[in-house]
Every structure is written in structure tokens, then in C-alpha cells.
């Protein structure tokens, strides 16, 4: 009542608020923490692990969303579409070579390769000591598997008649410096991806960017399906990081959504990082500010 009188006679909102604060300091001190704790609890029931209440405030100012492609906009459940062995190697030999390299990897490509090897009943050498080169591929024991440009950088001659297809990702395999073949894999866009972009636009998000290590033809197709106009293909982890930093330098408030080890630097660099927890890597989940514990984008 006193605050009402002060506002009526002075027409000064700040004076009225000052009266309320003096009269009820405990209520004001407790209001924000209580609201934040309640929000954290509600978020957890919805499958959102929000690591700090300050991220709610950070989320309010977001105007740009950066998406990873594989495992984020797409299901991440790659499947082997076809095998193209070379140099006298059989399909099963090519698959076994790739599976031996991918045994200890958590990448969606590795899961697809190992899954196909199990379906075919292949015996996979799990003792191979491998080194994963972020954003490029994996190698060890004289074997290498990864993107075309990286395999070529290793000095492997890839036949000119081996070409990529528009709607599939390619994994190139080499053995002792000789091209062994290519494995084509396909992924499907998440059913909720387009609706997610539309919902974010309704909330006032102005710009969407998709960053992927995949080829431009595949990236363009997924971006068109998702309703995202801007994308960057053939991205290495450091290039994803550069893109996020460039957006922030331009005055953008950036939300980064990803699921893999390759996304961790970008997740850390964004104003807010969100990891796809159910399918994501441990590194991505630990780096991000928010983790989605389900598969629903």
C-alpha cells in the first residue's frame, strides 16, 4: 500500500520499487534462486540437463544457431549403402579393413561400418593400435580410412573413375599406401528437424548456419530439407571453431548444437553450447552447457 501511494504521488517507478525492496528484502533475495531451481528441475524432467542457471539468461539473447549435421540435424544412424573395392580386394576384405580401424571409435561412421561387419559375420581384428585424426580419419597398422582429401595427402593414388555420389558420404580406405576401395554411407534427416527450425524462427532467431565435415553436395541436400539457407561443408574442427568465433566477432549471440568430438571446440566457443546427449560423445557432453538426454532435437 505504501509503495502504491509513493507511485501515485511521485509517478516514479524506481522510488516505488525501492520501498518494496526495503519492506520485503528476503522475498526479493529468494525469488530469483527459487525460480532458477524450479526451472532446472522442470528442464530435467523434460530431458534437458542444464548445468547452471546462468545459461537461462544466456539463452534469452541468442540470435544465431549453429548446427552440426551428422547426429544433430540427421539421425546419426548411418548405414552402408555400397562397397567399391579396388586392387583385387573383395567387398568383405574392404569392410574388414575399415572395421579393424574403426573398432575403438564412437563416430557414427564407425558404428555403421562395425554394424555392417556384424551383419556379414566378419571377424574383425580388434587389436589394431589406431590414431584418430580429428575431422580427417583414422589410421594404424599400415591402414588408413577417412575423407578423400586426407587419403590423397597421405600419398595414396585414388583412381579417377572413383567418384562421390550426391546423396551419400564416402569413406576411402588405403592399405600400405595403396588404395583399397571406398565405402558409401547414407544418413537420414531427423523427422523433427524442419519443425525445430520453424519453432526457433518463431522465437526470434534470425540466422541459422550448418557446419559439417561432409561434402558440399550432401550438405546442400540436408540444408535444403532442414530449411537452412547457409551452410559450410568440408569443415575440420578448427574451421568450425573459426566460424563460431567469426559470428561472435560480428556481434552475434551464438547457440551451437552438436554431438561429436569434432564439435567440442565449437561448443565451448559459443555463447551457449547444446550437446545431443543420447547419441553424443562424452567430450561433447562435458564441454556443452546444456545436454539433451533424448534424441528429440
Protein backbone atom coordinates (compact mmCIF):
# COMPACT_ATOMS: atom_id res chain seq x y z
CA UNK A 1 0.00 0.00 0.00
CA UNK A 2 2.82 2.41 0.91
CA UNK A 3 4.55 1.64 -2.41
CA UNK A 4 1.25 2.33 -4.21
CA UNK A 5 0.96 5.73 -2.54
CA UNK A 6 4.58 6.56 -3.43
CA UNK A 7 3.96 5.65 -7.07
CA UNK A 8 0.71 7.63 -7.16
CA UNK A 9 2.19 10.83 -5.76
CA UNK A 10 5.68 10.71 -7.33
CA UNK A 11 4.95 8.89 -10.62
CA UNK A 12 8.45 7.40 -10.13
CA UNK A 13 8.55 3.60 -10.56
CA UNK A 14 12.08 3.34 -9.13
CA UNK A 15 11.00 5.02 -5.87
CA UNK A 16 8.07 2.59 -5.53
CA UNK A 17 10.37 -0.39 -6.17
CA UNK A 18 12.83 0.95 -3.57
CA UNK A 19 10.03 0.96 -0.99
CA UNK A 20 9.14 -2.67 -1.81
CA UNK A 21 12.78 -3.79 -1.53
CA UNK A 22 13.17 -2.09 1.86
CA UNK A 23 9.89 -3.62 3.07
CA UNK A 24 10.46 -7.16 1.76
CA UNK A 25 14.19 -7.80 1.15
CA UNK A 26 14.03 -11.56 1.89
CA UNK A 27 11.37 -12.17 -0.76
CA UNK A 28 13.47 -10.48 -3.42
CA UNK A 29 16.65 -12.24 -2.38
CA UNK A 30 14.91 -15.63 -2.59
CA UNK A 31 12.81 -15.01 -5.71
CA UNK A 32 15.48 -15.45 -8.38
CA UNK A 33 17.20 -18.55 -6.93
CA UNK A 34 13.81 -20.18 -6.34
CA UNK A 35 12.76 -19.53 -9.94
CA UNK A 36 16.06 -20.84 -11.29
CA UNK A 37 15.98 -24.02 -9.18
CA UNK A 38 12.40 -24.65 -10.31
CA UNK A 39 13.43 -24.11 -13.94
CA UNK A 40 16.35 -26.54 -13.60
CA UNK A 41 14.00 -29.15 -12.13
CA UNK A 42 11.41 -28.73 -14.89
CA UNK A 43 14.15 -28.88 -17.55
CA UNK A 44 15.49 -32.14 -16.09
CA UNK A 45 12.02 -33.70 -16.23
CA UNK A 46 11.89 -32.73 -19.92
CA UNK A 47 15.24 -34.44 -20.55
CA UNK A 48 17.36 -31.27 -20.53
CA UNK A 49 20.49 -31.25 -18.41
CA UNK A 50 21.18 -27.54 -17.80
CA UNK A 51 24.48 -27.26 -15.98
CA UNK A 52 23.96 -23.80 -14.47
CA UNK A 53 21.07 -21.40 -14.01
CA UNK A 54 23.08 -18.64 -15.73
CA UNK A 55 22.56 -20.42 -19.05
CA UNK A 56 18.86 -19.48 -18.95
CA UNK A 57 19.90 -15.83 -19.17
CA UNK A 58 22.41 -16.59 -21.93
CA UNK A 59 19.69 -18.34 -23.94
CA UNK A 60 17.42 -15.32 -23.92
CA UNK A 61 19.79 -13.19 -26.01
CA UNK A 62 20.57 -15.82 -28.68
CA UNK A 63 20.02 -14.65 -32.28
CA UNK A 64 22.07 -17.23 -34.26
CA UNK A 65 22.04 -21.03 -34.13
CA UNK A 66 24.90 -23.13 -35.49
CA UNK A 67 24.07 -26.78 -36.19
CA UNK A 68 26.33 -29.73 -36.76
CA UNK A 69 24.89 -32.10 -39.39
CA UNK A 70 25.59 -35.75 -38.59
CA UNK A 71 23.88 -36.85 -35.39
CA UNK A 72 22.28 -33.45 -34.88
CA UNK A 73 20.16 -32.48 -37.89
CA UNK A 74 20.32 -36.09 -39.06
CA UNK A 75 19.73 -39.25 -37.06
CA UNK A 76 23.42 -40.14 -37.00
CA UNK A 77 22.43 -43.72 -37.78
CA UNK A 78 24.46 -44.14 -40.92
CA UNK A 79 24.08 -47.28 -43.00
CA UNK A 80 26.43 -48.78 -45.56
CA UNK A 81 24.86 -48.26 -48.98
CA UNK A 82 27.51 -49.87 -51.16
CA UNK A 83 31.13 -51.10 -51.20
CA UNK A 84 33.55 -50.34 -54.04
CA UNK A 85 36.75 -52.39 -53.56
CA UNK A 86 39.84 -51.82 -55.71
CA UNK A 87 43.16 -53.51 -56.47
CA UNK A 88 41.93 -57.09 -56.14
CA UNK A 89 40.36 -56.52 -52.71
CA UNK A 90 36.96 -58.15 -52.14
CA UNK A 91 33.96 -56.37 -50.56
CA UNK A 92 34.31 -58.33 -47.32
CA UNK A 93 38.06 -57.65 -47.15
CA UNK A 94 37.45 -53.93 -47.66
CA UNK A 95 34.81 -53.88 -44.92
CA UNK A 96 37.04 -55.88 -42.54
CA UNK A 97 39.93 -53.43 -43.06
CA UNK A 98 37.70 -50.45 -42.28
CA UNK A 99 36.13 -52.22 -39.29
CA UNK A 100 39.55 -53.00 -37.80
CA UNK A 101 40.38 -49.30 -37.91
CA UNK A 102 37.02 -48.18 -36.52
CA UNK A 103 36.78 -50.71 -33.65
CA UNK A 104 37.59 -48.19 -30.90
CA UNK A 105 35.87 -45.15 -32.44
CA UNK A 106 32.45 -43.80 -31.37
CA UNK A 107 31.87 -41.85 -34.58
CA UNK A 108 28.58 -42.63 -36.45
CA UNK A 109 30.66 -43.81 -39.43
CA UNK A 110 32.42 -46.33 -37.17
CA UNK A 111 29.11 -47.62 -35.81
CA UNK A 112 27.79 -48.11 -39.34
CA UNK A 113 30.93 -49.94 -40.50
CA UNK A 114 31.00 -52.24 -37.47
CA UNK A 115 27.27 -52.89 -37.75
CA UNK A 116 27.59 -53.97 -41.37
CA UNK A 117 30.57 -56.18 -40.49
CA UNK A 118 28.49 -57.93 -37.81
CA UNK A 119 25.61 -58.45 -40.24
CA UNK A 120 28.01 -60.12 -42.66
CA UNK A 121 29.53 -62.23 -39.90
CA UNK A 122 33.06 -60.91 -40.46
CA UNK A 123 35.87 -61.50 -37.98
CA UNK A 124 37.28 -58.07 -37.06
CA UNK A 125 40.80 -57.53 -35.72
CA UNK A 126 40.24 -55.51 -32.54
CA UNK A 127 43.92 -55.47 -31.52
CA UNK A 128 44.99 -52.82 -34.05
CA UNK A 129 46.60 -49.74 -32.48
CA UNK A 130 44.95 -46.78 -34.18
CA UNK A 131 45.22 -42.99 -34.18
CA UNK A 132 42.16 -40.88 -34.86
CA UNK A 133 42.89 -37.65 -36.72
CA UNK A 134 40.05 -35.26 -35.86
CA UNK A 135 37.90 -34.37 -38.84
CA UNK A 136 40.05 -36.39 -41.26
CA UNK A 137 40.02 -40.09 -40.46
CA UNK A 138 41.79 -42.88 -38.61
CA UNK A 139 44.99 -44.83 -39.27
CA UNK A 140 47.17 -47.56 -37.80
CA UNK A 141 48.99 -50.75 -38.71
CA UNK A 142 49.61 -49.60 -42.27
CA UNK A 143 45.88 -48.92 -42.79
CA UNK A 144 44.08 -45.61 -43.20
CA UNK A 145 40.42 -44.69 -43.65
CA UNK A 146 38.90 -41.24 -43.98
CA UNK A 147 37.94 -38.43 -46.29
CA UNK A 148 39.26 -38.39 -49.85
CA UNK A 149 41.49 -35.33 -49.46
CA UNK A 150 43.22 -36.77 -46.39
CA UNK A 151 43.88 -40.15 -48.02
CA UNK A 152 45.35 -38.28 -51.01
CA UNK A 153 47.54 -36.22 -48.63
CA UNK A 154 48.97 -39.50 -47.32
CA UNK A 155 50.33 -40.14 -50.82
CA UNK A 156 47.69 -42.66 -51.88
CA UNK A 157 46.71 -42.51 -55.55
CA UNK A 158 42.92 -42.67 -55.91
CA UNK A 159 41.69 -43.79 -59.38
CA UNK A 160 39.94 -41.02 -61.32
CA UNK A 161 36.94 -43.24 -62.01
CA UNK A 162 36.17 -43.39 -58.24
CA UNK A 163 33.76 -40.50 -57.68
CA UNK A 164 31.43 -39.38 -54.91
CA UNK A 165 27.67 -39.59 -55.23
CA UNK A 166 25.40 -36.66 -54.43
CA UNK A 167 23.35 -38.28 -51.66
CA UNK A 168 25.95 -40.40 -49.85
CA UNK A 169 29.07 -39.87 -47.76
CA UNK A 170 32.24 -41.70 -48.78
CA UNK A 171 34.89 -43.37 -46.63
CA UNK A 172 38.14 -44.04 -48.51
CA UNK A 173 40.35 -46.92 -47.39
CA UNK A 174 44.06 -47.48 -48.06
CA UNK A 175 46.42 -50.34 -47.15
CA UNK A 176 50.18 -49.83 -47.11
CA UNK A 177 49.89 -46.74 -49.29
CA UNK A 178 47.68 -48.41 -51.90
CA UNK A 179 44.03 -47.52 -52.46
CA UNK A 180 41.83 -50.42 -51.27
CA UNK A 181 38.39 -49.03 -52.05
CA UNK A 182 35.56 -46.75 -50.99
CA UNK A 183 32.55 -47.35 -48.76
CA UNK A 184 29.40 -45.28 -49.35
CA UNK A 185 27.20 -44.44 -46.36
CA UNK A 186 23.87 -42.64 -46.15
CA UNK A 187 22.11 -40.82 -43.33
CA UNK A 188 18.51 -39.65 -42.88
CA UNK A 189 17.33 -36.25 -41.66
CA UNK A 190 15.51 -36.20 -38.32
CA UNK A 191 11.73 -36.04 -38.63
CA UNK A 192 11.59 -33.02 -36.27
CA UNK A 193 14.44 -31.03 -37.83
CA UNK A 194 12.35 -28.73 -40.04
CA UNK A 195 9.82 -28.09 -37.24
CA UNK A 196 12.72 -27.23 -34.91
CA UNK A 197 13.98 -24.55 -37.29
CA UNK A 198 10.49 -23.11 -37.66
CA UNK A 199 9.99 -23.03 -33.88
CA UNK A 200 13.30 -21.20 -33.40
CA UNK A 201 12.31 -18.64 -36.05
CA UNK A 202 9.05 -18.04 -34.16
CA UNK A 203 11.17 -17.32 -31.05
CA UNK A 204 13.06 -14.60 -32.95
CA UNK A 205 16.20 -16.43 -34.11
CA UNK A 206 17.46 -14.57 -37.17
CA UNK A 207 20.19 -16.75 -38.63
CA UNK A 208 20.90 -20.47 -38.99
CA UNK A 209 24.21 -22.00 -40.05
CA UNK A 210 25.01 -25.66 -40.67
CA UNK A 211 28.64 -26.76 -40.33
CA UNK A 212 29.71 -30.21 -41.45
CA UNK A 213 32.80 -32.16 -42.41
CA UNK A 214 30.77 -33.82 -45.14
CA UNK A 215 30.91 -32.95 -48.85
CA UNK A 216 29.10 -29.92 -50.28
CA UNK A 217 26.55 -31.94 -52.30
CA UNK A 218 25.42 -33.87 -49.21
CA UNK A 219 25.43 -30.72 -47.06
CA UNK A 220 23.35 -28.78 -49.60
CA UNK A 221 20.72 -31.53 -49.72
CA UNK A 222 20.36 -31.73 -45.91
CA UNK A 223 20.33 -27.93 -45.54
CA UNK A 224 17.56 -27.64 -48.14
CA UNK A 225 15.46 -30.28 -46.34
CA UNK A 226 16.01 -28.58 -42.97
CA UNK A 227 15.18 -25.10 -44.28
CA UNK A 228 18.66 -23.76 -43.55
CA UNK A 229 19.97 -21.36 -46.19
CA UNK A 230 23.58 -21.02 -45.05
CA UNK A 231 25.99 -23.92 -44.66
CA UNK A 232 29.68 -24.70 -44.81
CA UNK A 233 30.89 -28.12 -45.95
CA UNK A 234 34.24 -29.92 -45.65
CA UNK A 235 34.75 -28.34 -42.20
CA UNK A 236 37.52 -29.51 -39.91
CA UNK A 237 37.04 -28.99 -36.14
CA UNK A 238 39.26 -25.89 -36.17
CA UNK A 239 37.24 -24.42 -39.07
CA UNK A 240 34.01 -24.91 -37.12
CA UNK A 241 35.66 -23.06 -34.25
CA UNK A 242 36.75 -20.24 -36.59
CA UNK A 243 33.20 -19.90 -37.94
CA UNK A 244 31.71 -19.58 -34.44
CA UNK A 245 34.35 -17.02 -33.44
CA UNK A 246 33.69 -15.02 -36.63
CA UNK A 247 29.96 -14.91 -35.87
CA UNK A 248 30.64 -13.71 -32.33
CA UNK A 249 33.10 -11.09 -33.61
CA UNK A 250 30.31 -9.83 -35.89
CA UNK A 251 28.18 -9.18 -32.80
CA UNK A 252 26.09 -12.33 -32.95
CA UNK A 253 24.94 -14.23 -29.88
CA UNK A 254 25.58 -17.82 -30.89
CA UNK A 255 23.99 -21.10 -29.83
CA UNK A 256 25.96 -24.16 -31.02
CA UNK A 257 24.33 -27.59 -31.26
CA UNK A 258 26.49 -30.70 -31.85
CA UNK A 259 27.12 -34.27 -30.80
CA UNK A 260 30.68 -35.35 -31.57
CA UNK A 261 34.29 -34.90 -30.54
CA UNK A 262 34.73 -32.73 -33.65
CA UNK A 263 32.09 -30.31 -32.30
CA UNK A 264 33.62 -29.85 -28.83
CA UNK A 265 35.77 -26.76 -29.65
CA UNK A 266 32.81 -25.01 -31.31
CA UNK A 267 30.50 -25.96 -28.41
CA UNK A 268 32.95 -24.38 -25.97
CA UNK A 269 33.36 -21.23 -28.09
CA UNK A 270 29.64 -20.46 -28.47
CA UNK A 271 27.69 -18.25 -26.08
CA UNK A 272 25.68 -21.38 -25.35
CA UNK A 273 26.55 -24.97 -26.27
CA UNK A 274 23.99 -27.77 -26.55
CA UNK A 275 25.04 -31.42 -26.92
CA UNK A 276 22.88 -34.24 -28.21
CA UNK A 277 23.42 -36.31 -25.07
CA UNK A 278 21.86 -39.64 -26.00
CA UNK A 279 23.99 -40.06 -29.13
CA UNK A 280 26.76 -37.60 -28.33
CA UNK A 281 30.32 -38.28 -27.29
CA UNK A 282 31.45 -37.83 -23.68
CA UNK A 283 33.71 -34.94 -24.72
CA UNK A 284 30.81 -33.05 -26.34
CA UNK A 285 28.53 -33.61 -23.34
CA UNK A 286 31.16 -32.43 -20.86
CA UNK A 287 32.03 -29.38 -22.98
CA UNK A 288 28.47 -28.22 -23.61
CA UNK A 289 26.41 -26.03 -21.27
CA UNK A 290 23.21 -28.00 -21.92
CA UNK A 291 22.78 -31.67 -22.83
CA UNK A 292 19.70 -33.15 -24.47
CA UNK A 293 19.32 -36.54 -22.82
CA UNK A 294 16.92 -37.78 -25.50
CA UNK A 295 17.07 -37.99 -29.31
CA UNK A 296 14.39 -35.35 -29.98
CA UNK A 297 16.06 -32.25 -31.42
